[in-house]
Amino acid sequence: MATFPGGGTAQKYRFIKHHQASLPVRQLCARLQVSRSGYYDWLKRQPSQRRQQDDALLLDIHRIHAASKSRYGSPKVHRALRQEGIRVGVKRVARLMREAGLKARVECVYRRMHKRRAELKVLPNYRLEESKPTGPNQQWSSDVTFIRLGRRHVFLAVIVDLWSRKIVGWALDDKLNARLSTTALSRALKQRKPRPGLLLHTDRGIEFRALMMQRWLTHYGIRHSMNRPGKCTDNAEVESFFKTLKAELIHASNFGSLESLRKQVDYYIRYFYNRVRLHSSLDYVSPIQYEKAA
């Protein structure tokens, strides 16, 4: 049986949403002393599925736009998305870029993509060849998501230990680049100190294929695995964390600054998600409890 939380009404609503597949909403609302009508009104105010899909798509748009050094407008971003197996209309790409303030740098004439290509390396999904991890630091997974902060976007990179689902490293910044991902990786390496041979699975984002990241992985003896084209489900564990984080923290709060957001994300990961939050995949214990019991 799940442990019922204290806290504010929004926290109770999030708890009900998470457990309504296994317990009746009527029973959950009665136990938490909230009204069903209030809960359903709260559900209607949550981001729609279309909005969540737009958010996920916008991250890919940011990545491609940044990789082009802001040279790509919506037609080329749309073509790049299609080449990656992401099916989307050019009008939708144009709308999202317009809303995010992303434009092509038309004044740029000279291009140096030949040098950029030398840094890229696309790899297979080696996770498909691996058994499920049986202990810590055997398989990690990493990805990046964006978070709306006022009228701009900031980016969160995380690293998850696939055995315990613990967040072992993360970084938050207003720039999407290789340094963001290597900062998250360096924090994970400092905390966990894995042996050579660890498998790190990521998507095919430019930040993970950059020369800086490849040098880090080679130096620490880390094997690199990547999503198959158009298969974001290959990285489902990290996608699940991002969905949970946004539902339980980001969409339920207002942040006045990047530093305020960073402090709240740090608290959520260290003191709630890793230590307290129950995970159905771990037989309803937290990641730290799971590791201690092993």
C-alpha atoms as a PDB file:
ATOM      1  CA  MET A   1       0.000   0.000   0.000  1.00  0.00           C
ATOM      2  CA  ALA A   2       1.349   3.434  -0.900  1.00  0.00           C
ATOM      3  CA  THR A   3       2.265   5.889   1.846  1.00  0.00           C
ATOM      4  CA  PHE A   4      -0.070   8.872   1.752  1.00  0.00           C
ATOM      5  CA  PRO A   5       1.691  12.225   1.727  1.00  0.00           C
ATOM      6  CA  GLY A   6       1.170  15.331   3.755  1.00  0.00           C
ATOM      7  CA  GLY A   7       1.924  18.691   2.195  1.00  0.00           C
ATOM      8  CA  GLY A   8      -0.176  21.001   0.080  1.00  0.00           C
ATOM      9  CA  THR A   9      -3.154  20.301  -2.135  1.00  0.00           C
ATOM     10  CA  ALA A  10      -1.116  20.209  -5.356  1.00  0.00           C
ATOM     11  CA  GLN A  11       1.172  17.562  -3.878  1.00  0.00           C
ATOM     12  CA  LYS A  12      -1.874  15.476  -2.929  1.00  0.00           C
ATOM     13  CA  TYR A  13      -3.291  15.825  -6.446  1.00  0.00           C
ATOM     14  CA  ARG A  14       0.018  14.650  -7.929  1.00  0.00           C
ATOM     15  CA  PHE A  15      -0.028  11.661  -5.604  1.00  0.00           C
ATOM     16  CA  ILE A  16      -3.559  10.748  -6.721  1.00  0.00           C
ATOM     17  CA  LYS A  17      -2.603  11.039 -10.383  1.00  0.00           C
ATOM     18  CA  HIS A  18       0.374   8.748  -9.855  1.00  0.00           C
ATOM     19  CA  HIS A  19      -1.636   6.057  -8.011  1.00  0.00           C
ATOM     20  CA  GLN A  20      -5.056   6.242  -9.671  1.00  0.00           C
ATOM     21  CA  ALA A  21      -4.283   3.222 -11.855  1.00  0.00           C
ATOM     22  CA  SER A  22      -4.100   1.007  -8.766  1.00  0.00           C
ATOM     23  CA  LEU A  23      -6.550   2.700  -6.359  1.00  0.00           C
ATOM     24  CA  PRO A  24      -9.977   4.320  -6.978  1.00  0.00           C
ATOM     25  CA  VAL A  25      -9.907   8.105  -7.245  1.00  0.00           C
ATOM     26  CA  ARG A  26     -12.835   8.322  -4.805  1.00  0.00           C
ATOM     27  CA  GLN A  27     -10.853   6.410  -2.160  1.00  0.00           C
ATOM     28  CA  LEU A  28      -7.682   8.420  -2.723  1.00  0.00           C
ATOM     29  CA  CYS A  29      -9.524  11.740  -2.497  1.00  0.00           C
ATOM     30  CA  ALA A  30     -11.306  10.686   0.686  1.00  0.00           C
ATOM     31  CA  ARG A  31      -8.081   9.500   2.305  1.00  0.00           C
ATOM     32  CA  LEU A  32      -6.266  12.720   1.429  1.00  0.00           C
ATOM     33  CA  GLN A  33      -9.270  14.915   2.309  1.00  0.00           C
ATOM     34  CA  VAL A  34      -9.562  16.632  -1.070  1.00  0.00           C
ATOM     35  CA  SER A  35     -12.587  16.856  -3.356  1.00  0.00           C
ATOM     36  CA  ARG A  36     -12.872  14.861  -6.551  1.00  0.00           C
ATOM     37  CA  SER A  37     -14.143  17.929  -8.410  1.00  0.00           C
ATOM     38  CA  GLY A  38     -11.078  19.864  -7.293  1.00  0.00           C
ATOM     39  CA  TYR A  39      -8.826  17.038  -8.451  1.00  0.00           C
ATOM     40  CA  TYR A  40     -10.434  16.864 -11.901  1.00  0.00           C
ATOM     41  CA  ASP A  41     -10.247  20.653 -12.254  1.00  0.00           C
ATOM     42  CA  TRP A  42      -6.533  20.410 -11.438  1.00  0.00           C
ATOM     43  CA  LEU A  43      -6.084  17.711 -14.085  1.00  0.00           C
ATOM     44  CA  LYS A  44      -7.613  19.973 -16.720  1.00  0.00           C
ATOM     45  CA  ARG A  45      -5.082  22.675 -15.885  1.00  0.00           C
ATOM     46  CA  GLN A  46      -2.128  20.331 -16.497  1.00  0.00           C
ATOM     47  CA  PRO A  47      -0.243  20.624 -19.793  1.00  0.00           C
ATOM     48  CA  SER A  48      -2.091  18.851 -22.603  1.00  0.00           C
ATOM     49  CA  GLN A  49      -0.598  15.893 -24.416  1.00  0.00           C
ATOM     50  CA  ARG A  50      -0.090  18.146 -27.448  1.00  0.00           C
ATOM     51  CA  ARG A  51       1.793  20.668 -25.311  1.00  0.00           C
ATOM     52  CA  GLN A  52       3.997  17.932 -23.873  1.00  0.00           C
ATOM     53  CA  GLN A  53       4.715  16.671 -27.392  1.00  0.00           C
ATOM     54  CA  ASP A  54       5.580  20.219 -28.439  1.00  0.00           C
ATOM     55  CA  ASP A  55       7.962  20.515 -25.489  1.00  0.00           C
ATOM     56  CA  ALA A  56       9.749  17.296 -26.451  1.00  0.00           C
ATOM     57  CA  LEU A  57       9.917  18.367 -30.101  1.00  0.00           C
ATOM     58  CA  LEU A  58      11.247  21.801 -29.166  1.00  0.00           C
ATOM     59  CA  LEU A  59      14.226  20.198 -27.436  1.00  0.00           C
ATOM     60  CA  ASP A  60      15.169  18.491 -30.721  1.00  0.00           C
ATOM     61  CA  ILE A  61      14.653  21.791 -32.542  1.00  0.00           C
ATOM     62  CA  HIS A  62      16.947  23.592 -30.073  1.00  0.00           C
ATOM     63  CA  ARG A  63      19.581  20.874 -30.531  1.00  0.00           C
ATOM     64  CA  ILE A  64      19.566  21.041 -34.334  1.00  0.00           C
ATOM     65  CA  HIS A  65      19.433  24.849 -34.357  1.00  0.00           C
ATOM     66  CA  ALA A  66      22.401  25.019 -31.955  1.00  0.00           C
ATOM     67  CA  ALA A  67      24.381  22.443 -33.971  1.00  0.00           C
ATOM     68  CA  SER A  68      23.944  24.615 -37.065  1.00  0.00           C
ATOM     69  CA  LYS A  69      25.364  27.609 -35.175  1.00  0.00           C
ATOM     70  CA  SER A  70      21.923  29.237 -35.547  1.00  0.00           C
ATOM     71  CA  ARG A  71      22.211  29.080 -39.347  1.00  0.00           C
ATOM     72  CA  TYR A  72      19.132  26.889 -39.896  1.00  0.00           C
ATOM     73  CA  GLY A  73      15.660  28.302 -40.305  1.00  0.00           C
ATOM     74  CA  SER A  74      12.527  26.197 -39.986  1.00  0.00           C
ATOM     75  CA  PRO A  75      12.761  24.495 -43.442  1.00  0.00           C
ATOM     76  CA  LYS A  76      16.227  23.081 -42.765  1.00  0.00           C
ATOM     77  CA  VAL A  77      15.429  22.229 -39.151  1.00  0.00           C
ATOM     78  CA  HIS A  78      12.358  20.385 -40.430  1.00  0.00           C
ATOM     79  CA  ARG A  79      14.448  18.472 -42.976  1.00  0.00           C
ATOM     80  CA  ALA A  80      17.023  17.559 -40.297  1.00  0.00           C
ATOM     81  CA  LEU A  81      14.246  16.262 -38.035  1.00  0.00           C
ATOM     82  CA  ARG A  82      12.872  14.105 -40.841  1.00  0.00           C
ATOM     83  CA  GLN A  83      16.354  12.712 -41.503  1.00  0.00           C
ATOM     84  CA  GLU A  84      16.469  11.624 -37.846  1.00  0.00           C
ATOM     85  CA  GLY A  85      13.173   9.789 -38.251  1.00  0.00           C
ATOM     86  CA  ILE A  86      11.053  12.408 -36.448  1.00  0.00           C
ATOM     87  CA  ARG A  87       7.800  12.857 -38.376  1.00  0.00           C
ATOM     88  CA  VAL A  88       6.511  16.409 -38.030  1.00  0.00           C
ATOM     89  CA  GLY A  89       5.060  19.091 -40.306  1.00  0.00           C
ATOM     90  CA  VAL A  90       7.094  22.093 -41.398  1.00  0.00           C
ATOM     91  CA  LYS A  91       4.361  24.494 -40.184  1.00  0.00           C
ATOM     92  CA  ARG A  92       4.550  23.034 -36.682  1.00  0.00           C
ATOM     93  CA  VAL A  93       8.334  23.421 -36.667  1.00  0.00           C
ATOM     94  CA  ALA A  94       7.990  27.023 -37.844  1.00  0.00           C
ATOM     95  CA  ARG A  95       5.435  27.796 -35.121  1.00  0.00           C
ATOM     96  CA  LEU A  96       7.562  26.322 -32.340  1.00  0.00           C
ATOM     97  CA  MET A  97      10.680  28.132 -33.555  1.00  0.00           C
ATOM     98  CA  ARG A  98       8.757  31.392 -33.748  1.00  0.00           C
ATOM     99  CA  GLU A  99       7.392  30.956 -30.206  1.00  0.00           C
ATOM    100  CA  ALA A 100      10.893  30.157 -28.920  1.00  0.00           C
ATOM    101  CA  GLY A 101      12.477  33.084 -30.755  1.00  0.00           C
ATOM    102  CA  LEU A 102      14.723  30.839 -32.862  1.00  0.00           C
ATOM    103  CA  LYS A 103      15.778  32.345 -36.192  1.00  0.00           C
ATOM    104  CA  ALA A 104      18.391  31.689 -38.855  1.00  0.00           C
ATOM    105  CA  ARG A 105      21.486  33.880 -38.804  1.00  0.00           C
ATOM    106  CA  VAL A 106      21.113  35.141 -42.362  1.00  0.00           C
ATOM    107  CA  GLU A 107      24.227  37.308 -42.109  1.00  0.00           C
ATOM    108  CA  CYS A 108      26.463  34.240 -41.788  1.00  0.00           C
ATOM    109  CA  VAL A 109      27.991  33.380 -45.156  1.00  0.00           C
ATOM    110  CA  TYR A 110      31.004  31.177 -44.462  1.00  0.00           C
ATOM    111  CA  ARG A 111      30.411  27.703 -43.034  1.00  0.00           C
ATOM    112  CA  ARG A 112      32.834  25.310 -41.433  1.00  0.00           C
ATOM    113  CA  MET A 113      30.692  22.214 -41.153  1.00  0.00           C
ATOM    114  CA  HIS A 114      33.533  20.070 -42.542  1.00  0.00           C
ATOM    115  CA  LYS A 115      35.367  20.579 -39.260  1.00  0.00           C
ATOM    116  CA  ARG A 116      32.198  19.986 -37.230  1.00  0.00           C
ATOM    117  CA  ARG A 117      31.504  16.694 -38.976  1.00  0.00           C
ATOM    118  CA  ALA A 118      34.921  15.438 -37.917  1.00  0.00           C
ATOM    119  CA  GLU A 119      33.720  15.620 -34.323  1.00  0.00           C
ATOM    120  CA  LEU A 120      30.564  13.577 -34.866  1.00  0.00           C
ATOM    121  CA  LYS A 121      30.257   9.874 -34.276  1.00  0.00           C
ATOM    122  CA  VAL A 122      26.991   7.939 -34.464  1.00  0.00           C
ATOM    123  CA  LEU A 123      26.979   4.621 -32.613  1.00  0.00           C
ATOM    124  CA  PRO A 124      24.608   1.623 -32.446  1.00  0.00           C
ATOM    125  CA  ASN A 125      22.336   0.823 -29.509  1.00  0.00           C
ATOM    126  CA  TYR A 126      24.565  -1.574 -27.582  1.00  0.00           C
ATOM    127  CA  ARG A 127      21.965  -1.824 -24.807  1.00  0.00           C
ATOM    128  CA  LEU A 128      20.082  -4.237 -27.024  1.00  0.00           C
ATOM    129  CA  GLU A 129      23.013  -6.657 -26.720  1.00  0.00           C
ATOM    130  CA  GLU A 130      23.332  -6.308 -22.935  1.00  0.00           C
ATOM    131  CA  SER A 131      21.525  -8.113 -20.135  1.00  0.00           C
ATOM    132  CA  LYS A 132      19.752  -6.028 -17.514  1.00  0.00           C
ATOM    133  CA  PRO A 133      22.203  -4.600 -14.968  1.00  0.00           C
ATOM    134  CA  THR A 134      22.609  -6.615 -11.772  1.00  0.00           C
ATOM    135  CA  GLY A 135      24.455  -4.004  -9.735  1.00  0.00           C
ATOM    136  CA  PRO A 136      25.506  -0.353  -9.613  1.00  0.00           C
ATOM    137  CA  ASN A 137      27.657   1.348 -12.249  1.00  0.00           C
ATOM    138  CA  GLN A 138      27.140  -1.258 -14.951  1.00  0.00           C
ATOM    139  CA  GLN A 139      24.809   0.759 -17.187  1.00  0.00           C
ATOM    140  CA  TRP A 140      24.026   4.467 -17.053  1.00  0.00           C
ATOM    141  CA  SER A 141      21.700   6.481 -19.260  1.00  0.00           C
ATOM    142  CA  SER A 142      21.779  10.206 -19.999  1.00  0.00           C
ATOM    143  CA  ASP A 143      19.623  12.754 -21.770  1.00  0.00           C
ATOM    144  CA  VAL A 144      18.777  16.456 -21.837  1.00  0.00           C
ATOM    145  CA  THR A 145      15.441  18.228 -21.521  1.00  0.00           C
ATOM    146  CA  PHE A 146      14.479  21.878 -21.590  1.00  0.00           C
ATOM    147  CA  ILE A 147      12.555  23.792 -18.952  1.00  0.00           C
ATOM    148  CA  ARG A 148      10.622  26.995 -19.558  1.00  0.00           C
ATOM    149  CA  LEU A 149      11.896  29.794 -17.329  1.00  0.00           C
ATOM    150  CA  GLY A 150       9.856  32.911 -17.973  1.00  0.00           C
ATOM    151  CA  ARG A 151      10.237  33.730 -21.655  1.00  0.00           C
ATOM    152  CA  ARG A 152      13.370  31.664 -22.181  1.00  0.00           C
ATOM    153  CA  HIS A 153      14.453  28.060 -21.936  1.00  0.00           C
ATOM    154  CA  VAL A 154      17.113  26.419 -19.803  1.00  0.00           C
ATOM    155  CA  PHE A 155      18.454  22.907 -20.147  1.00  0.00           C
ATOM    156  CA  LEU A 156      18.783  20.024 -17.694  1.00  0.00           C
ATOM    157  CA  ALA A 157      21.111  17.074 -18.291  1.00  0.00           C
ATOM    158  CA  VAL A 158      20.879  14.025 -16.026  1.00  0.00           C
ATOM    159  CA  ILE A 159      22.560  10.648 -15.672  1.00  0.00           C
ATOM    160  CA  VAL A 160      20.577   7.694 -14.312  1.00  0.00           C
ATOM    161  CA  ASP A 161      21.985   4.426 -12.991  1.00  0.00           C
ATOM    162  CA  LEU A 162      19.751   1.937 -14.787  1.00  0.00           C
ATOM    163  CA  TRP A 163      20.053  -0.633 -12.001  1.00  0.00           C
ATOM    164  CA  SER A 164      18.616   1.488  -9.185  1.00  0.00           C
ATOM    165  CA  ARG A 165      17.131   4.410 -11.170  1.00  0.00           C
ATOM    166  CA  LYS A 166      19.161   6.767  -8.986  1.00  0.00           C
ATOM    167  CA  ILE A 167      20.080  10.143 -10.467  1.00  0.00           C
ATOM    168  CA  VAL A 168      23.866  10.037 -10.103  1.00  0.00           C
ATOM    169  CA  GLY A 169      24.721  13.269 -11.905  1.00  0.00           C
ATOM    170  CA  TRP A 170      22.991  16.341 -13.301  1.00  0.00           C
ATOM    171  CA  ALA A 171      23.676  19.836 -14.598  1.00  0.00           C
ATOM    172  CA  LEU A 172      21.446  22.830 -15.366  1.00  0.00           C
ATOM    173  CA  ASP A 173      22.386  25.768 -17.607  1.00  0.00           C
ATOM    174  CA  ASP A 174      20.973  28.207 -20.122  1.00  0.00           C
ATOM    175  CA  LYS A 175      23.159  26.815 -22.920  1.00  0.00           C
ATOM    176  CA  LEU A 176      22.701  23.486 -24.694  1.00  0.00           C
ATOM    177  CA  ASN A 177      26.188  22.206 -25.503  1.00  0.00           C
ATOM    178  CA  ALA A 178      28.705  19.469 -24.735  1.00  0.00           C
ATOM    179  CA  ARG A 179      29.854  21.210 -21.556  1.00  0.00           C
ATOM    180  CA  LEU A 180      26.400  20.751 -20.025  1.00  0.00           C
ATOM    181  CA  SER A 181      26.521  16.979 -20.561  1.00  0.00           C
ATOM    182  CA  THR A 182      30.151  16.586 -19.501  1.00  0.00           C
ATOM    183  CA  THR A 183      29.422  18.517 -16.294  1.00  0.00           C
ATOM    184  CA  ALA A 184      26.666  16.032 -15.437  1.00  0.00           C
ATOM    185  CA  LEU A 185      29.029  13.170 -16.312  1.00  0.00           C
ATOM    186  CA  SER A 186      31.882  14.540 -14.202  1.00  0.00           C
ATOM    187  CA  ARG A 187      29.599  14.801 -11.165  1.00  0.00           C
ATOM    188  CA  ALA A 188      28.418  11.228 -11.670  1.00  0.00           C
ATOM    189  CA  LEU A 189      32.005   9.970 -11.990  1.00  0.00           C
ATOM    190  CA  LYS A 190      33.073  11.832  -8.852  1.00  0.00           C
ATOM    191  CA  GLN A 191      30.172  10.410  -6.841  1.00  0.00           C
ATOM    192  CA  ARG A 192      30.180   6.810  -8.119  1.00  0.00           C
ATOM    193  CA  LYS A 193      33.789   6.140  -9.221  1.00  0.00           C
ATOM    194  CA  PRO A 194      32.844   3.368 -11.690  1.00  0.00           C
ATOM    195  CA  ARG A 195      35.317   0.869 -13.072  1.00  0.00           C
ATOM    196  CA  PRO A 196      36.235   0.905 -16.774  1.00  0.00           C
ATOM    197  CA  GLY A 197      33.706  -0.897 -18.944  1.00  0.00           C
ATOM    198  CA  LEU A 198      30.629   1.041 -17.827  1.00  0.00           C
ATOM    199  CA  LEU A 199      28.029   1.438 -20.607  1.00  0.00           C
ATOM    200  CA  LEU A 200      26.619   4.955 -21.052  1.00  0.00           C
ATOM    201  CA  HIS A 201      23.501   5.144 -23.236  1.00  0.00           C
ATOM    202  CA  THR A 202      22.389   8.462 -24.768  1.00  0.00           C
ATOM    203  CA  ASP A 203      20.401   9.785 -27.675  1.00  0.00           C
ATOM    204  CA  ARG A 204      22.090  11.033 -30.853  1.00  0.00           C
ATOM    205  CA  GLY A 205      22.220  14.672 -29.768  1.00  0.00           C
ATOM    206  CA  ILE A 206      25.172  16.792 -30.876  1.00  0.00           C
ATOM    207  CA  GLU A 207      26.161  17.356 -27.243  1.00  0.00           C
ATOM    208  CA  PHE A 208      26.786  13.620 -26.807  1.00  0.00           C
ATOM    209  CA  ARG A 209      28.641  13.207 -30.109  1.00  0.00           C
ATOM    210  CA  ALA A 210      30.921  16.197 -29.599  1.00  0.00           C
ATOM    211  CA  LEU A 211      34.670  15.690 -29.381  1.00  0.00           C
ATOM    212  CA  MET A 212      34.697  16.940 -25.775  1.00  0.00           C
ATOM    213  CA  MET A 213      32.307  14.181 -24.680  1.00  0.00           C
ATOM    214  CA  GLN A 214      34.115  11.496 -26.674  1.00  0.00           C
ATOM    215  CA  ARG A 215      37.409  12.397 -24.994  1.00  0.00           C
ATOM    216  CA  TRP A 216      35.810  12.082 -21.550  1.00  0.00           C
ATOM    217  CA  LEU A 217      34.371   8.674 -22.367  1.00  0.00           C
ATOM    218  CA  THR A 218      37.663   7.390 -23.769  1.00  0.00           C
ATOM    219  CA  HIS A 219      39.652   8.668 -20.786  1.00  0.00           C
ATOM    220  CA  TYR A 220      37.436   6.857 -18.269  1.00  0.00           C
ATOM    221  CA  GLY A 221      37.021   3.666 -20.291  1.00  0.00           C
ATOM    222  CA  ILE A 222      33.279   4.174 -20.795  1.00  0.00           C
ATOM    223  CA  ARG A 223      31.502   2.399 -23.645  1.00  0.00           C
ATOM    224  CA  HIS A 224      29.043   4.604 -25.511  1.00  0.00           C
ATOM    225  CA  SER A 225      25.648   3.445 -26.802  1.00  0.00           C
ATOM    226  CA  MET A 226      23.075   5.526 -28.696  1.00  0.00           C
ATOM    227  CA  ASN A 227      19.381   5.432 -29.526  1.00  0.00           C
ATOM    228  CA  ARG A 228      18.270   3.966 -32.813  1.00  0.00           C
ATOM    229  CA  PRO A 229      17.022   6.616 -35.278  1.00  0.00           C
ATOM    230  CA  GLY A 230      13.605   7.913 -34.205  1.00  0.00           C
ATOM    231  CA  LYS A 231      13.472   5.592 -31.150  1.00  0.00           C
ATOM    232  CA  CYS A 232      13.262   7.842 -28.079  1.00  0.00           C
ATOM    233  CA  THR A 233      11.880   4.811 -26.209  1.00  0.00           C
ATOM    234  CA  ASP A 234      15.428   3.407 -26.242  1.00  0.00           C
ATOM    235  CA  ASN A 235      16.061   5.912 -23.435  1.00  0.00           C
ATOM    236  CA  ALA A 236      12.750   5.377 -21.649  1.00  0.00           C
ATOM    237  CA  GLU A 237      14.124   5.499 -18.096  1.00  0.00           C
ATOM    238  CA  VAL A 238      15.429   9.048 -18.431  1.00  0.00           C
ATOM    239  CA  GLU A 239      12.326  10.156 -20.325  1.00  0.00           C
ATOM    240  CA  SER A 240      10.251   8.791 -17.430  1.00  0.00           C
ATOM    241  CA  PHE A 241      12.284  10.825 -14.933  1.00  0.00           C
ATOM    242  CA  PHE A 242      11.837  14.017 -16.942  1.00  0.00           C
ATOM    243  CA  LYS A 243       8.086  13.449 -17.121  1.00  0.00           C
ATOM    244  CA  THR A 244       7.935  12.907 -13.354  1.00  0.00           C
ATOM    245  CA  LEU A 245      10.118  15.924 -12.574  1.00  0.00           C
ATOM    246  CA  LYS A 246       7.990  18.236 -14.703  1.00  0.00           C
ATOM    247  CA  ALA A 247       4.717  16.937 -13.274  1.00  0.00           C
ATOM    248  CA  GLU A 248       5.793  17.026  -9.621  1.00  0.00           C
ATOM    249  CA  LEU A 249       8.037  20.106  -9.556  1.00  0.00           C
ATOM    250  CA  ILE A 250       8.322  22.224 -12.686  1.00  0.00           C
ATOM    251  CA  HIS A 251       4.650  22.551 -13.669  1.00  0.00           C
ATOM    252  CA  ALA A 252       3.567  22.983 -10.053  1.00  0.00           C
ATOM    253  CA  SER A 253       5.945  25.838  -9.195  1.00  0.00           C
ATOM    254  CA  ASN A 254       7.094  29.274 -10.314  1.00  0.00           C
ATOM    255  CA  PHE A 255      10.787  30.090 -10.453  1.00  0.00           C
ATOM    256  CA  GLY A 256      12.084  33.638 -10.496  1.00  0.00           C
ATOM    257  CA  SER A 257      15.610  32.868 -11.618  1.00  0.00           C
ATOM    258  CA  LEU A 258      17.915  30.150 -12.883  1.00  0.00           C
ATOM    259  CA  GLU A 259      19.558  29.933  -9.469  1.00  0.00           C
ATOM    260  CA  SER A 260      16.187  29.440  -7.754  1.00  0.00           C
ATOM    261  CA  LEU A 261      15.328  26.673 -10.207  1.00  0.00           C
ATOM    262  CA  ARG A 262      18.727  25.049  -9.687  1.00  0.00           C
ATOM    263  CA  LYS A 263      18.233  24.939  -5.909  1.00  0.00           C
ATOM    264  CA  GLN A 264      14.772  23.391  -6.235  1.00  0.00           C
ATOM    265  CA  VAL A 265      15.954  20.764  -8.728  1.00  0.00           C
ATOM    266  CA  ASP A 266      18.864  19.914  -6.437  1.00  0.00           C
ATOM    267  CA  TYR A 267      16.528  19.473  -3.467  1.00  0.00           C
ATOM    268  CA  TYR A 268      14.033  17.429  -5.490  1.00  0.00           C
ATOM    269  CA  ILE A 269      16.683  15.029  -6.788  1.00  0.00           C
ATOM    270  CA  ARG A 270      18.778  14.638  -3.641  1.00  0.00           C
ATOM    271  CA  TYR A 271      16.172  14.656  -0.902  1.00  0.00           C
ATOM    272  CA  PHE A 272      12.990  13.459  -2.580  1.00  0.00           C
ATOM    273  CA  TYR A 273      13.496  11.503  -5.809  1.00  0.00           C
ATOM    274  CA  ASN A 274      16.590   9.555  -4.754  1.00  0.00           C
ATOM    275  CA  ARG A 275      15.752   9.143  -1.053  1.00  0.00           C
ATOM    276  CA  VAL A 276      11.979   9.100  -0.623  1.00  0.00           C
ATOM    277  CA  ARG A 277      10.009   8.680  -3.826  1.00  0.00           C
ATOM    278  CA  LEU A 278       8.618   5.171  -4.348  1.00  0.00           C
ATOM    279  CA  HIS A 279       9.396   3.528  -7.701  1.00  0.00           C
ATOM    280  CA  SER A 280       7.111   0.808  -9.008  1.00  0.00           C
ATOM    281  CA  SER A 281      10.008  -0.687 -10.999  1.00  0.00           C
ATOM    282  CA  LEU A 282      11.916  -1.114  -7.705  1.00  0.00           C
ATOM    283  CA  ASP A 283       9.040  -2.835  -5.894  1.00  0.00           C
ATOM    284  CA  TYR A 284       7.960   0.492  -4.363  1.00  0.00           C
ATOM    285  CA  VAL A 285      11.129   1.580  -2.614  1.00  0.00           C
ATOM    286  CA  SER A 286      13.333   4.591  -3.352  1.00  0.00           C
ATOM    287  CA  PRO A 287      16.610   4.269  -5.316  1.00  0.00           C
ATOM    288  CA  ILE A 288      18.749   4.726  -2.207  1.00  0.00           C
ATOM    289  CA  GLN A 289      16.666   2.195  -0.266  1.00  0.00           C
ATOM    290  CA  TYR A 290      17.022  -0.235  -3.171  1.00  0.00           C
ATOM    291  CA  GLU A 291      20.802   0.138  -3.231  1.00  0.00           C
ATOM    292  CA  LYS A 292      21.105  -0.265   0.541  1.00  0.00           C
ATOM    293  CA  ALA A 293      18.979  -3.425   0.507  1.00  0.00           C
ATOM    294  CA  ALA A 294      21.020  -5.097  -2.233  1.00  0.00           C
END
